[in-house]
Amino acid sequence: MQTIQQEIDERTNLTSSNKLELLLFRLGDDANLDRNELFGINVFKIREIIPMPTITAMAGAHPHMMGVVDLRGQIIPVIDLPAVAGCTPKTGLNILLITEYARSTQAFAVESVEDIVRLDWRQVLSAEGNAAGGMVTSLARLDGDNSDRLAQVLDVETILRQVMPSSEPVVDPASIGPMVDIKPGTVILAADDSVIARTMIEQGLEAMGLPYLMCKTGKEAWDQLQAISAKAQDEGKTVHDRIALVLTDLEMPEMDGFTLTRNIKQDPRFSTIPVVIHSSLTGSTNEAHVKKVGADAYVAKFVAEDLADALRQALSAVH
């Protein structure tokens, strides 16, 4: 346990080109296949790992909420992750993963922690459209391109929205502020691998009156950007006549947001297009990385008003 925790503390300070550190863990036997599959979560989301403490049950809580834990004076909600994923632990819920996500702290109960692996995002494939459903964003090939050993990367955004839904509307048009005018014919190019995140982003952009083109991965956004640029050139125009701003998540299969941003800012065709990074990976380390790759703004998920402010500022800087 201590070795895993030490690795997390050390590796969250590392920066790699289009790479991620994945914490692997198990939840128990799958209800359908009777197999104990591997799951993964980005190390950047993990604050610490602890043996299962005493949990205080909360009256009227969601069935997948175990209750809360008092961790050094902080009350943290505890989610039964095997129950969410439809798994049955053989040895019990032994470990808590304390995570920091989208300006909040929460704990996920798991059966066991296996390892930390460093992967290239190209080893991580989108799970959308497969049998994985809405709780898995991607599948990680753990041993390279020819590997059949896979880990399921969970969509934490969707899980939190299901287990701890907010009573407030995600996007309140009245609080977003006035509509935003951009150059006619241009759109916001947005990329996010989470279904729930894309839905919230789309609602926010629509409330601002901003047309958009939505992508599911950084690679898809990069390919779209190049195709749009080529088509604009054929029409005697530039990419700036088609794209007003790029809005990107950080964690995405195939190409992460850091690499997408770096590609944009290092390409003379695109370097003056504003890039806003919108991510649940908060903290000073990640914000330093954002500045290093040249992003114009960084905003933590998900407060629609903050996103609207960041987009307005980035757009006004080039108009």
C-alpha atoms as a PDB file:
ATOM      1  CA  MET A   1       0.000   0.000   0.000  1.00  0.00           C
ATOM      2  CA  GLN A   2       2.734   2.440   0.956  1.00  0.00           C
ATOM      3  CA  THR A   3       4.627   1.705  -2.263  1.00  0.00           C
ATOM      4  CA  ILE A   4       1.573   2.558  -4.375  1.00  0.00           C
ATOM      5  CA  GLN A   5       1.044   5.796  -2.444  1.00  0.00           C
ATOM      6  CA  GLN A   6       4.695   6.790  -2.850  1.00  0.00           C
ATOM      7  CA  GLU A   7       4.482   6.165  -6.593  1.00  0.00           C
ATOM      8  CA  ILE A   8       1.421   8.422  -6.842  1.00  0.00           C
ATOM      9  CA  ASP A   9       3.170  11.239  -4.961  1.00  0.00           C
ATOM     10  CA  GLU A  10       6.230  10.978  -7.194  1.00  0.00           C
ATOM     11  CA  ARG A  11       4.599  10.450 -10.558  1.00  0.00           C
ATOM     12  CA  THR A  12       1.982  13.195 -10.375  1.00  0.00           C
ATOM     13  CA  ASN A  13       4.916  15.603 -10.752  1.00  0.00           C
ATOM     14  CA  LEU A  14       6.003  14.072 -14.063  1.00  0.00           C
ATOM     15  CA  THR A  15       5.097  15.487 -17.447  1.00  0.00           C
ATOM     16  CA  SER A  16       5.118  13.229 -20.482  1.00  0.00           C
ATOM     17  CA  SER A  17       4.149  13.857 -24.067  1.00  0.00           C
ATOM     18  CA  ASN A  18       0.695  12.353 -24.673  1.00  0.00           C
ATOM     19  CA  LYS A  19       1.132   9.946 -21.763  1.00  0.00           C
ATOM     20  CA  LEU A  20      -0.850   9.158 -18.645  1.00  0.00           C
ATOM     21  CA  GLU A  21      -0.350   7.306 -15.413  1.00  0.00           C
ATOM     22  CA  LEU A  22      -3.171   4.860 -14.743  1.00  0.00           C
ATOM     23  CA  LEU A  23      -3.931   3.385 -11.320  1.00  0.00           C
ATOM     24  CA  LEU A  24      -5.255  -0.153 -11.826  1.00  0.00           C
ATOM     25  CA  PHE A  25      -7.707  -1.694  -9.396  1.00  0.00           C
ATOM     26  CA  ARG A  26     -10.293  -4.471  -9.138  1.00  0.00           C
ATOM     27  CA  LEU A  27     -13.933  -4.374  -8.122  1.00  0.00           C
ATOM     28  CA  GLY A  28     -14.793  -8.080  -7.972  1.00  0.00           C
ATOM     29  CA  ASP A  29     -16.544 -10.498 -10.297  1.00  0.00           C
ATOM     30  CA  ASP A  30     -18.598  -9.119 -13.154  1.00  0.00           C
ATOM     31  CA  ALA A  31     -22.260 -10.125 -12.897  1.00  0.00           C
ATOM     32  CA  ASN A  32     -22.416 -11.255 -16.531  1.00  0.00           C
ATOM     33  CA  LEU A  33     -19.012 -12.832 -17.233  1.00  0.00           C
ATOM     34  CA  ASP A  34     -18.031 -14.047 -13.751  1.00  0.00           C
ATOM     35  CA  ARG A  35     -14.555 -12.518 -14.223  1.00  0.00           C
ATOM     36  CA  ASN A  36     -12.608 -10.091 -12.077  1.00  0.00           C
ATOM     37  CA  GLU A  37     -11.768  -7.354 -14.577  1.00  0.00           C
ATOM     38  CA  LEU A  38      -9.219  -4.552 -14.280  1.00  0.00           C
ATOM     39  CA  PHE A  39     -10.354  -0.942 -14.019  1.00  0.00           C
ATOM     40  CA  GLY A  40      -8.338   2.233 -14.159  1.00  0.00           C
ATOM     41  CA  ILE A  41      -8.362   5.862 -13.104  1.00  0.00           C
ATOM     42  CA  ASN A  42      -5.878   8.618 -13.929  1.00  0.00           C
ATOM     43  CA  VAL A  43      -3.306   9.032 -11.163  1.00  0.00           C
ATOM     44  CA  PHE A  44      -3.808  12.814 -11.333  1.00  0.00           C
ATOM     45  CA  LYS A  45      -7.276  12.284  -9.836  1.00  0.00           C
ATOM     46  CA  ILE A  46      -5.987  10.323  -6.832  1.00  0.00           C
ATOM     47  CA  ARG A  47      -5.217  12.236  -3.654  1.00  0.00           C
ATOM     48  CA  GLU A  48      -4.444   9.217  -1.523  1.00  0.00           C
ATOM     49  CA  ILE A  49      -5.207   5.536  -0.967  1.00  0.00           C
ATOM     50  CA  ILE A  50      -6.197   4.220   2.463  1.00  0.00           C
ATOM     51  CA  PRO A  51      -7.405   0.957   4.022  1.00  0.00           C
ATOM     52  CA  MET A  52     -11.158   0.880   4.492  1.00  0.00           C
ATOM     53  CA  PRO A  53     -12.037   3.016   7.538  1.00  0.00           C
ATOM     54  CA  THR A  54     -15.281   3.162   9.486  1.00  0.00           C
ATOM     55  CA  ILE A  55     -18.110   4.463   7.273  1.00  0.00           C
ATOM     56  CA  THR A  56     -21.089   6.361   8.665  1.00  0.00           C
ATOM     57  CA  ALA A  57     -24.267   5.539   6.749  1.00  0.00           C
ATOM     58  CA  MET A  58     -26.484   8.464   5.724  1.00  0.00           C
ATOM     59  CA  ALA A  59     -30.268   8.238   5.878  1.00  0.00           C
ATOM     60  CA  GLY A  60     -32.003   8.566   2.514  1.00  0.00           C
ATOM     61  CA  ALA A  61     -28.802   8.323   0.489  1.00  0.00           C
ATOM     62  CA  HIS A  62     -28.524   6.872  -3.001  1.00  0.00           C
ATOM     63  CA  PRO A  63     -28.300   3.030  -2.934  1.00  0.00           C
ATOM     64  CA  HIS A  64     -24.707   3.196  -4.195  1.00  0.00           C
ATOM     65  CA  MET A  65     -23.671   5.674  -1.520  1.00  0.00           C
ATOM     66  CA  MET A  66     -22.098   3.830   1.396  1.00  0.00           C
ATOM     67  CA  GLY A  67     -22.120   6.941   3.554  1.00  0.00           C
ATOM     68  CA  VAL A  68     -19.383   9.345   4.640  1.00  0.00           C
ATOM     69  CA  VAL A  69     -15.963   9.109   6.255  1.00  0.00           C
ATOM     70  CA  ASP A  70     -14.285  11.626   8.542  1.00  0.00           C
ATOM     71  CA  LEU A  71     -10.767  11.905   7.151  1.00  0.00           C
ATOM     72  CA  ARG A  72      -8.636  14.212   9.280  1.00  0.00           C
ATOM     73  CA  GLY A  73     -11.573  16.536   9.877  1.00  0.00           C
ATOM     74  CA  GLN A  74     -12.906  16.479   6.301  1.00  0.00           C
ATOM     75  CA  ILE A  75     -16.251  14.755   5.716  1.00  0.00           C
ATOM     76  CA  ILE A  76     -15.996  12.835   2.424  1.00  0.00           C
ATOM     77  CA  PRO A  77     -18.795  10.936   0.656  1.00  0.00           C
ATOM     78  CA  VAL A  78     -18.018   7.282  -0.073  1.00  0.00           C
ATOM     79  CA  ILE A  79     -19.303   5.605  -3.249  1.00  0.00           C
ATOM     80  CA  ASP A  80     -19.623   1.822  -3.578  1.00  0.00           C
ATOM     81  CA  LEU A  81     -17.846   1.500  -6.925  1.00  0.00           C
ATOM     82  CA  PRO A  82     -18.415  -2.263  -7.379  1.00  0.00           C
ATOM     83  CA  ALA A  83     -22.154  -1.720  -6.941  1.00  0.00           C
ATOM     84  CA  VAL A  84     -22.097   1.065  -9.540  1.00  0.00           C
ATOM     85  CA  ALA A  85     -20.236  -1.181 -12.001  1.00  0.00           C
ATOM     86  CA  GLY A  86     -22.341  -4.271 -11.309  1.00  0.00           C
ATOM     87  CA  CYS A  87     -19.517  -6.247  -9.678  1.00  0.00           C
ATOM     88  CA  THR A  88     -19.373  -8.407  -6.552  1.00  0.00           C
ATOM     89  CA  PRO A  89     -16.178  -8.285  -4.454  1.00  0.00           C
ATOM     90  CA  LYS A  90     -14.976 -11.679  -3.286  1.00  0.00           C
ATOM     91  CA  THR A  91     -12.888 -10.376  -0.408  1.00  0.00           C
ATOM     92  CA  GLY A  92     -14.950  -7.307   0.445  1.00  0.00           C
ATOM     93  CA  LEU A  93     -14.474  -3.581   0.047  1.00  0.00           C
ATOM     94  CA  ASN A  94     -10.956  -3.215   1.377  1.00  0.00           C
ATOM     95  CA  ILE A  95      -9.586   0.028  -0.065  1.00  0.00           C
ATOM     96  CA  LEU A  96     -10.700   3.634  -0.421  1.00  0.00           C
ATOM     97  CA  LEU A  97      -9.469   5.762  -3.310  1.00  0.00           C
ATOM     98  CA  ILE A  98      -9.676   9.397  -2.217  1.00  0.00           C
ATOM     99  CA  THR A  99     -10.074  11.478  -5.361  1.00  0.00           C
ATOM    100  CA  GLU A 100     -10.176  15.150  -6.206  1.00  0.00           C
ATOM    101  CA  TYR A 101     -12.432  15.777  -9.089  1.00  0.00           C
ATOM    102  CA  ALA A 102     -14.141  18.845 -10.529  1.00  0.00           C
ATOM    103  CA  ARG A 103     -13.609  20.990  -7.398  1.00  0.00           C
ATOM    104  CA  SER A 104     -14.822  18.260  -5.050  1.00  0.00           C
ATOM    105  CA  THR A 105     -13.397  15.430  -2.970  1.00  0.00           C
ATOM    106  CA  GLN A 106     -14.963  12.004  -2.842  1.00  0.00           C
ATOM    107  CA  ALA A 107     -13.957   8.428  -2.054  1.00  0.00           C
ATOM    108  CA  PHE A 108     -14.469   5.271  -4.095  1.00  0.00           C
ATOM    109  CA  ALA A 109     -14.556   1.906  -2.339  1.00  0.00           C
ATOM    110  CA  VAL A 110     -12.779  -0.867  -4.290  1.00  0.00           C
ATOM    111  CA  GLU A 111     -11.761  -4.451  -3.624  1.00  0.00           C
ATOM    112  CA  SER A 112      -8.028  -4.147  -4.318  1.00  0.00           C
ATOM    113  CA  VAL A 113      -5.373  -1.948  -5.894  1.00  0.00           C
ATOM    114  CA  GLU A 114      -3.083  -3.645  -8.403  1.00  0.00           C
ATOM    115  CA  ASP A 115      -0.463  -1.357  -9.928  1.00  0.00           C
ATOM    116  CA  ILE A 116       0.363   1.937 -11.607  1.00  0.00           C
ATOM    117  CA  VAL A 117       1.204   1.808 -15.305  1.00  0.00           C
ATOM    118  CA  ARG A 118       2.437   4.505 -17.650  1.00  0.00           C
ATOM    119  CA  LEU A 119       0.733   4.444 -21.036  1.00  0.00           C
ATOM    120  CA  ASP A 120       0.684   6.453 -24.202  1.00  0.00           C
ATOM    121  CA  TRP A 121      -2.775   7.891 -24.856  1.00  0.00           C
ATOM    122  CA  ARG A 122      -2.616   6.103 -28.227  1.00  0.00           C
ATOM    123  CA  GLN A 123      -2.963   2.865 -26.257  1.00  0.00           C
ATOM    124  CA  VAL A 124      -6.292   4.139 -24.927  1.00  0.00           C
ATOM    125  CA  LEU A 125      -9.263   3.567 -27.225  1.00  0.00           C
ATOM    126  CA  SER A 126     -12.706   5.102 -26.980  1.00  0.00           C
ATOM    127  CA  ALA A 127     -15.311   2.746 -25.539  1.00  0.00           C
ATOM    128  CA  GLU A 128     -18.258   4.762 -26.791  1.00  0.00           C
ATOM    129  CA  GLY A 129     -20.597   2.734 -28.944  1.00  0.00           C
ATOM    130  CA  ASN A 130     -19.406  -0.528 -27.387  1.00  0.00           C
ATOM    131  CA  ALA A 131     -21.075  -2.651 -24.739  1.00  0.00           C
ATOM    132  CA  ALA A 132     -19.275  -0.655 -22.048  1.00  0.00           C
ATOM    133  CA  GLY A 133     -22.195   1.713 -21.718  1.00  0.00           C
ATOM    134  CA  GLY A 134     -22.051   5.182 -20.245  1.00  0.00           C
ATOM    135  CA  MET A 135     -19.797   4.489 -17.255  1.00  0.00           C
ATOM    136  CA  VAL A 136     -16.661   3.621 -19.224  1.00  0.00           C
ATOM    137  CA  THR A 137     -15.057   6.247 -21.428  1.00  0.00           C
ATOM    138  CA  SER A 138     -12.236   4.147 -22.815  1.00  0.00           C
ATOM    139  CA  LEU A 139     -10.337   0.870 -22.860  1.00  0.00           C
ATOM    140  CA  ALA A 140      -6.595   0.866 -22.172  1.00  0.00           C
ATOM    141  CA  ARG A 141      -4.334  -1.653 -23.905  1.00  0.00           C
ATOM    142  CA  LEU A 142      -1.939  -2.364 -21.076  1.00  0.00           C
ATOM    143  CA  ASP A 143       0.789  -4.148 -23.036  1.00  0.00           C
ATOM    144  CA  GLY A 144       0.875  -2.189 -26.300  1.00  0.00           C
ATOM    145  CA  ASP A 145      -1.032  -2.282 -29.561  1.00  0.00           C
ATOM    146  CA  ASN A 146      -1.247  -6.078 -29.792  1.00  0.00           C
ATOM    147  CA  SER A 147      -2.346  -6.621 -26.230  1.00  0.00           C
ATOM    148  CA  ASP A 148      -5.562  -8.375 -25.287  1.00  0.00           C
ATOM    149  CA  ARG A 149      -5.112  -7.311 -21.644  1.00  0.00           C
ATOM    150  CA  LEU A 150      -7.450  -4.375 -21.190  1.00  0.00           C
ATOM    151  CA  ALA A 151      -8.394  -2.027 -18.371  1.00  0.00           C
ATOM    152  CA  GLN A 152     -11.682  -0.153 -18.336  1.00  0.00           C
ATOM    153  CA  VAL A 153     -11.225   3.573 -17.685  1.00  0.00           C
ATOM    154  CA  LEU A 154     -14.250   4.777 -15.774  1.00  0.00           C
ATOM    155  CA  ASP A 155     -16.207   7.936 -16.583  1.00  0.00           C
ATOM    156  CA  VAL A 156     -16.083   9.569 -13.176  1.00  0.00           C
ATOM    157  CA  GLU A 157     -18.237  12.482 -14.381  1.00  0.00           C
ATOM    158  CA  THR A 158     -21.125  10.186 -15.236  1.00  0.00           C
ATOM    159  CA  ILE A 159     -20.789   8.149 -12.034  1.00  0.00           C
ATOM    160  CA  LEU A 160     -20.847  11.244  -9.813  1.00  0.00           C
ATOM    161  CA  ARG A 161     -23.845  12.691 -11.641  1.00  0.00           C
ATOM    162  CA  GLN A 162     -25.724   9.412 -11.184  1.00  0.00           C
ATOM    163  CA  VAL A 163     -24.875   8.820  -7.534  1.00  0.00           C
ATOM    164  CA  MET A 164     -24.783  12.434  -6.306  1.00  0.00           C
ATOM    165  CA  PRO A 165     -27.085  14.370  -8.631  1.00  0.00           C
ATOM    166  CA  SER A 166     -27.366  18.104  -8.118  1.00  0.00           C
ATOM    167  CA  SER A 167     -30.747  19.651  -7.407  1.00  0.00           C
ATOM    168  CA  GLU A 168     -29.676  22.775  -9.299  1.00  0.00           C
ATOM    169  CA  PRO A 169     -29.851  23.030 -13.092  1.00  0.00           C
ATOM    170  CA  VAL A 170     -26.490  22.333 -14.713  1.00  0.00           C
ATOM    171  CA  VAL A 171     -26.875  25.333 -16.993  1.00  0.00           C
ATOM    172  CA  ASP A 172     -29.062  28.278 -16.015  1.00  0.00           C
ATOM    173  CA  PRO A 173     -29.367  30.551 -19.057  1.00  0.00           C
ATOM    174  CA  ALA A 174     -30.251  33.467 -16.783  1.00  0.00           C
ATOM    175  CA  SER A 175     -26.861  33.259 -15.058  1.00  0.00           C
ATOM    176  CA  ILE A 176     -24.780  32.658 -18.180  1.00  0.00           C
ATOM    177  CA  GLY A 177     -24.935  36.294 -19.208  1.00  0.00           C
ATOM    178  CA  PRO A 178     -25.538  37.879 -22.593  1.00  0.00           C
ATOM    179  CA  MET A 179     -25.200  36.076 -25.899  1.00  0.00           C
ATOM    180  CA  VAL A 180     -21.754  36.133 -27.480  1.00  0.00           C
ATOM    181  CA  ASP A 181     -21.197  37.289 -31.040  1.00  0.00           C
ATOM    182  CA  ILE A 182     -18.422  35.654 -33.040  1.00  0.00           C
ATOM    183  CA  LYS A 183     -17.357  36.043 -36.634  1.00  0.00           C
ATOM    184  CA  PRO A 184     -20.140  34.805 -38.953  1.00  0.00           C
ATOM    185  CA  GLY A 185     -19.375  31.357 -40.310  1.00  0.00           C
ATOM    186  CA  THR A 186     -17.123  30.380 -37.409  1.00  0.00           C
ATOM    187  CA  VAL A 187     -17.769  27.802 -34.695  1.00  0.00           C
ATOM    188  CA  ILE A 188     -16.347  26.609 -31.388  1.00  0.00           C
ATOM    189  CA  LEU A 189     -14.449  23.335 -31.900  1.00  0.00           C
ATOM    190  CA  ALA A 190     -14.929  21.348 -28.681  1.00  0.00           C
ATOM    191  CA  ALA A 191     -13.526  17.990 -27.548  1.00  0.00           C
ATOM    192  CA  ASP A 192     -14.477  15.831 -24.562  1.00  0.00           C
ATOM    193  CA  ASP A 193     -14.663  12.050 -24.186  1.00  0.00           C
ATOM    194  CA  SER A 194     -17.401  12.013 -21.523  1.00  0.00           C
ATOM    195  CA  VAL A 195     -21.016  11.811 -22.672  1.00  0.00           C
ATOM    196  CA  ILE A 196     -22.285  13.775 -19.681  1.00  0.00           C
ATOM    197  CA  ALA A 197     -19.571  16.422 -20.071  1.00  0.00           C
ATOM    198  CA  ARG A 198     -20.381  16.896 -23.762  1.00  0.00           C
ATOM    199  CA  THR A 199     -24.035  17.347 -22.898  1.00  0.00           C
ATOM    200  CA  MET A 200     -23.241  20.016 -20.294  1.00  0.00           C
ATOM    201  CA  ILE A 201     -20.824  21.810 -22.627  1.00  0.00           C
ATOM    202  CA  GLU A 202     -23.370  21.812 -25.435  1.00  0.00           C
ATOM    203  CA  GLN A 203     -26.008  23.287 -23.119  1.00  0.00           C
ATOM    204  CA  GLY A 204     -23.592  25.997 -22.048  1.00  0.00           C
ATOM    205  CA  LEU A 205     -22.570  26.903 -25.604  1.00  0.00           C
ATOM    206  CA  GLU A 206     -26.186  26.980 -26.737  1.00  0.00           C
ATOM    207  CA  ALA A 207     -27.091  29.270 -23.828  1.00  0.00           C
ATOM    208  CA  MET A 208     -24.339  31.638 -25.009  1.00  0.00           C
ATOM    209  CA  GLY A 209     -25.569  31.486 -28.594  1.00  0.00           C
ATOM    210  CA  LEU A 210     -22.302  29.918 -29.776  1.00  0.00           C
ATOM    211  CA  PRO A 211     -22.391  27.436 -32.667  1.00  0.00           C
ATOM    212  CA  TYR A 212     -20.113  24.455 -32.111  1.00  0.00           C
ATOM    213  CA  LEU A 213     -18.642  21.302 -33.563  1.00  0.00           C
ATOM    214  CA  MET A 214     -18.283  18.586 -30.923  1.00  0.00           C
ATOM    215  CA  CYS A 215     -15.581  15.885 -30.971  1.00  0.00           C
ATOM    216  CA  LYS A 216     -15.066  12.865 -28.716  1.00  0.00           C
ATOM    217  CA  THR A 217     -11.252  12.769 -28.617  1.00  0.00           C
ATOM    218  CA  GLY A 218      -8.296  15.072 -29.045  1.00  0.00           C
ATOM    219  CA  LYS A 219      -7.252  13.221 -32.196  1.00  0.00           C
ATOM    220  CA  GLU A 220     -10.710  13.691 -33.712  1.00  0.00           C
ATOM    221  CA  ALA A 221     -10.497  17.422 -32.954  1.00  0.00           C
ATOM    222  CA  TRP A 222      -7.000  17.650 -34.475  1.00  0.00           C
ATOM    223  CA  ASP A 223      -8.131  15.793 -37.616  1.00  0.00           C
ATOM    224  CA  GLN A 224     -11.188  18.048 -37.876  1.00  0.00           C
ATOM    225  CA  LEU A 225      -9.055  21.158 -37.513  1.00  0.00           C
ATOM    226  CA  GLN A 226      -6.744  20.095 -40.328  1.00  0.00           C
ATOM    227  CA  ALA A 227      -9.639  19.120 -42.600  1.00  0.00           C
ATOM    228  CA  ILE A 228     -11.417  22.431 -41.954  1.00  0.00           C
ATOM    229  CA  SER A 229      -8.216  24.326 -42.684  1.00  0.00           C
ATOM    230  CA  ALA A 230      -7.698  22.495 -45.981  1.00  0.00           C
ATOM    231  CA  LYS A 231     -11.284  23.097 -47.083  1.00  0.00           C
ATOM    232  CA  ALA A 232     -11.076  26.782 -46.156  1.00  0.00           C
ATOM    233  CA  GLN A 233      -7.879  27.127 -48.174  1.00  0.00           C
ATOM    234  CA  ASP A 234      -9.579  25.565 -51.208  1.00  0.00           C
ATOM    235  CA  GLU A 235     -12.268  28.230 -50.837  1.00  0.00           C
ATOM    236  CA  GLY A 236      -9.714  31.024 -50.675  1.00  0.00           C
ATOM    237  CA  LYS A 237     -10.165  31.501 -46.933  1.00  0.00           C
ATOM    238  CA  THR A 238      -8.244  30.602 -43.773  1.00  0.00           C
ATOM    239  CA  VAL A 239      -9.041  28.427 -40.781  1.00  0.00           C
ATOM    240  CA  HIS A 240      -9.844  31.644 -38.865  1.00  0.00           C
ATOM    241  CA  ASP A 241     -12.886  32.043 -41.109  1.00  0.00           C
ATOM    242  CA  ARG A 242     -14.194  28.723 -39.784  1.00  0.00           C
ATOM    243  CA  ILE A 243     -12.901  28.211 -36.195  1.00  0.00           C
ATOM    244  CA  ALA A 244     -13.282  30.911 -33.526  1.00  0.00           C
ATOM    245  CA  LEU A 245     -11.898  28.933 -30.555  1.00  0.00           C
ATOM    246  CA  VAL A 246     -10.931  25.438 -29.440  1.00  0.00           C
ATOM    247  CA  LEU A 247     -12.345  24.120 -26.150  1.00  0.00           C
ATOM    248  CA  THR A 248     -10.724  20.901 -24.966  1.00  0.00           C
ATOM    249  CA  ASP A 249     -10.735  18.444 -22.112  1.00  0.00           C
ATOM    250  CA  LEU A 250      -7.378  17.054 -20.930  1.00  0.00           C
ATOM    251  CA  GLU A 251      -8.046  13.332 -20.481  1.00  0.00           C
ATOM    252  CA  MET A 252      -9.062  11.826 -23.822  1.00  0.00           C
ATOM    253  CA  PRO A 253      -8.311   8.609 -25.720  1.00  0.00           C
ATOM    254  CA  GLU A 254      -5.726   8.611 -28.517  1.00  0.00           C
ATOM    255  CA  MET A 255      -4.603  12.221 -27.958  1.00  0.00           C
ATOM    256  CA  ASP A 256      -4.892  14.192 -24.727  1.00  0.00           C
ATOM    257  CA  GLY A 257      -5.689  17.876 -24.424  1.00  0.00           C
ATOM    258  CA  PHE A 258      -2.095  18.819 -23.633  1.00  0.00           C
ATOM    259  CA  THR A 259      -0.928  17.322 -26.923  1.00  0.00           C
ATOM    260  CA  LEU A 260      -3.834  18.803 -28.884  1.00  0.00           C
ATOM    261  CA  THR A 261      -3.047  22.258 -27.480  1.00  0.00           C
ATOM    262  CA  ARG A 262       0.665  21.885 -28.152  1.00  0.00           C
ATOM    263  CA  ASN A 263      -0.046  20.810 -31.741  1.00  0.00           C
ATOM    264  CA  ILE A 264      -2.277  23.832 -32.303  1.00  0.00           C
ATOM    265  CA  LYS A 265       0.106  26.362 -30.793  1.00  0.00           C
ATOM    266  CA  GLN A 266       3.144  24.998 -32.640  1.00  0.00           C
ATOM    267  CA  ASP A 267       1.454  25.021 -36.061  1.00  0.00           C
ATOM    268  CA  PRO A 268       1.656  28.419 -37.841  1.00  0.00           C
ATOM    269  CA  ARG A 269      -1.778  27.832 -39.389  1.00  0.00           C
ATOM    270  CA  PHE A 270      -3.476  27.520 -35.994  1.00  0.00           C
ATOM    271  CA  SER A 271      -1.208  29.189 -33.433  1.00  0.00           C
ATOM    272  CA  THR A 272      -3.380  32.301 -32.994  1.00  0.00           C
ATOM    273  CA  ILE A 273      -6.600  30.337 -32.465  1.00  0.00           C
ATOM    274  CA  PRO A 274      -7.480  30.698 -28.763  1.00  0.00           C
ATOM    275  CA  VAL A 275      -7.486  27.432 -26.826  1.00  0.00           C
ATOM    276  CA  VAL A 276      -9.411  27.032 -23.575  1.00  0.00           C
ATOM    277  CA  ILE A 277      -8.739  23.903 -21.507  1.00  0.00           C
ATOM    278  CA  HIS A 278     -11.750  22.671 -19.527  1.00  0.00           C
ATOM    279  CA  SER A 279     -10.858  19.848 -17.180  1.00  0.00           C
ATOM    280  CA  SER A 280     -11.611  18.027 -13.958  1.00  0.00           C
ATOM    281  CA  LEU A 281      -7.842  17.721 -13.405  1.00  0.00           C
ATOM    282  CA  THR A 282      -7.346  20.662 -11.086  1.00  0.00           C
ATOM    283  CA  GLY A 283      -4.363  21.758  -9.048  1.00  0.00           C
ATOM    284  CA  SER A 284      -1.208  23.827  -9.464  1.00  0.00           C
ATOM    285  CA  THR A 285       0.716  21.064 -11.280  1.00  0.00           C
ATOM    286  CA  ASN A 286      -1.841  20.769 -14.039  1.00  0.00           C
ATOM    287  CA  GLU A 287      -2.270  24.541 -14.320  1.00  0.00           C
ATOM    288  CA  ALA A 288       1.486  24.835 -14.800  1.00  0.00           C
ATOM    289  CA  HIS A 289       1.291  22.245 -17.581  1.00  0.00           C
ATOM    290  CA  VAL A 290      -1.534  24.240 -19.192  1.00  0.00           C
ATOM    291  CA  LYS A 291       0.650  27.349 -19.337  1.00  0.00           C
ATOM    292  CA  LYS A 292       3.592  25.362 -20.641  1.00  0.00           C
ATOM    293  CA  VAL A 293       1.693  24.090 -23.708  1.00  0.00           C
ATOM    294  CA  GLY A 294       0.435  27.601 -24.491  1.00  0.00           C
ATOM    295  CA  ALA A 295      -3.274  27.433 -23.701  1.00  0.00           C
ATOM    296  CA  ASP A 296      -5.029  30.796 -23.511  1.00  0.00           C
ATOM    297  CA  ALA A 297      -7.172  29.872 -20.510  1.00  0.00           C
ATOM    298  CA  TYR A 298      -7.884  27.076 -18.057  1.00  0.00           C
ATOM    299  CA  VAL A 299     -11.206  26.492 -16.325  1.00  0.00           C
ATOM    300  CA  ALA A 300     -12.112  23.683 -13.930  1.00  0.00           C
ATOM    301  CA  LYS A 301     -15.215  21.579 -14.560  1.00  0.00           C
ATOM    302  CA  PHE A 302     -18.081  22.181 -14.277  1.00  0.00           C
ATOM    303  CA  VAL A 303     -19.524  25.589 -13.468  1.00  0.00           C
ATOM    304  CA  ALA A 304     -21.328  26.951 -16.508  1.00  0.00           C
ATOM    305  CA  GLU A 305     -20.806  30.577 -15.454  1.00  0.00           C
ATOM    306  CA  ASP A 306     -17.037  30.090 -15.104  1.00  0.00           C
ATOM    307  CA  LEU A 307     -16.844  28.398 -18.488  1.00  0.00           C
ATOM    308  CA  ALA A 308     -18.837  31.233 -20.061  1.00  0.00           C
ATOM    309  CA  ASP A 309     -16.508  33.834 -18.508  1.00  0.00           C
ATOM    310  CA  ALA A 310     -13.407  32.018 -19.746  1.00  0.00           C
ATOM    311  CA  LEU A 311     -14.798  31.729 -23.266  1.00  0.00           C
ATOM    312  CA  ARG A 312     -15.791  35.409 -23.352  1.00  0.00           C
ATOM    313  CA  GLN A 313     -12.337  36.527 -22.235  1.00  0.00           C
ATOM    314  CA  ALA A 314     -10.524  34.279 -24.703  1.00  0.00           C
ATOM    315  CA  LEU A 315     -12.757  35.355 -27.589  1.00  0.00           C
ATOM    316  CA  SER A 316     -12.536  39.053 -26.735  1.00  0.00           C
ATOM    317  CA  ALA A 317      -8.745  38.876 -26.746  1.00  0.00           C
ATOM    318  CA  VAL A 318      -8.712  38.111 -30.480  1.00  0.00           C
ATOM    319  CA  HIS A 319     -11.638  40.227 -31.647  1.00  0.00           C
END
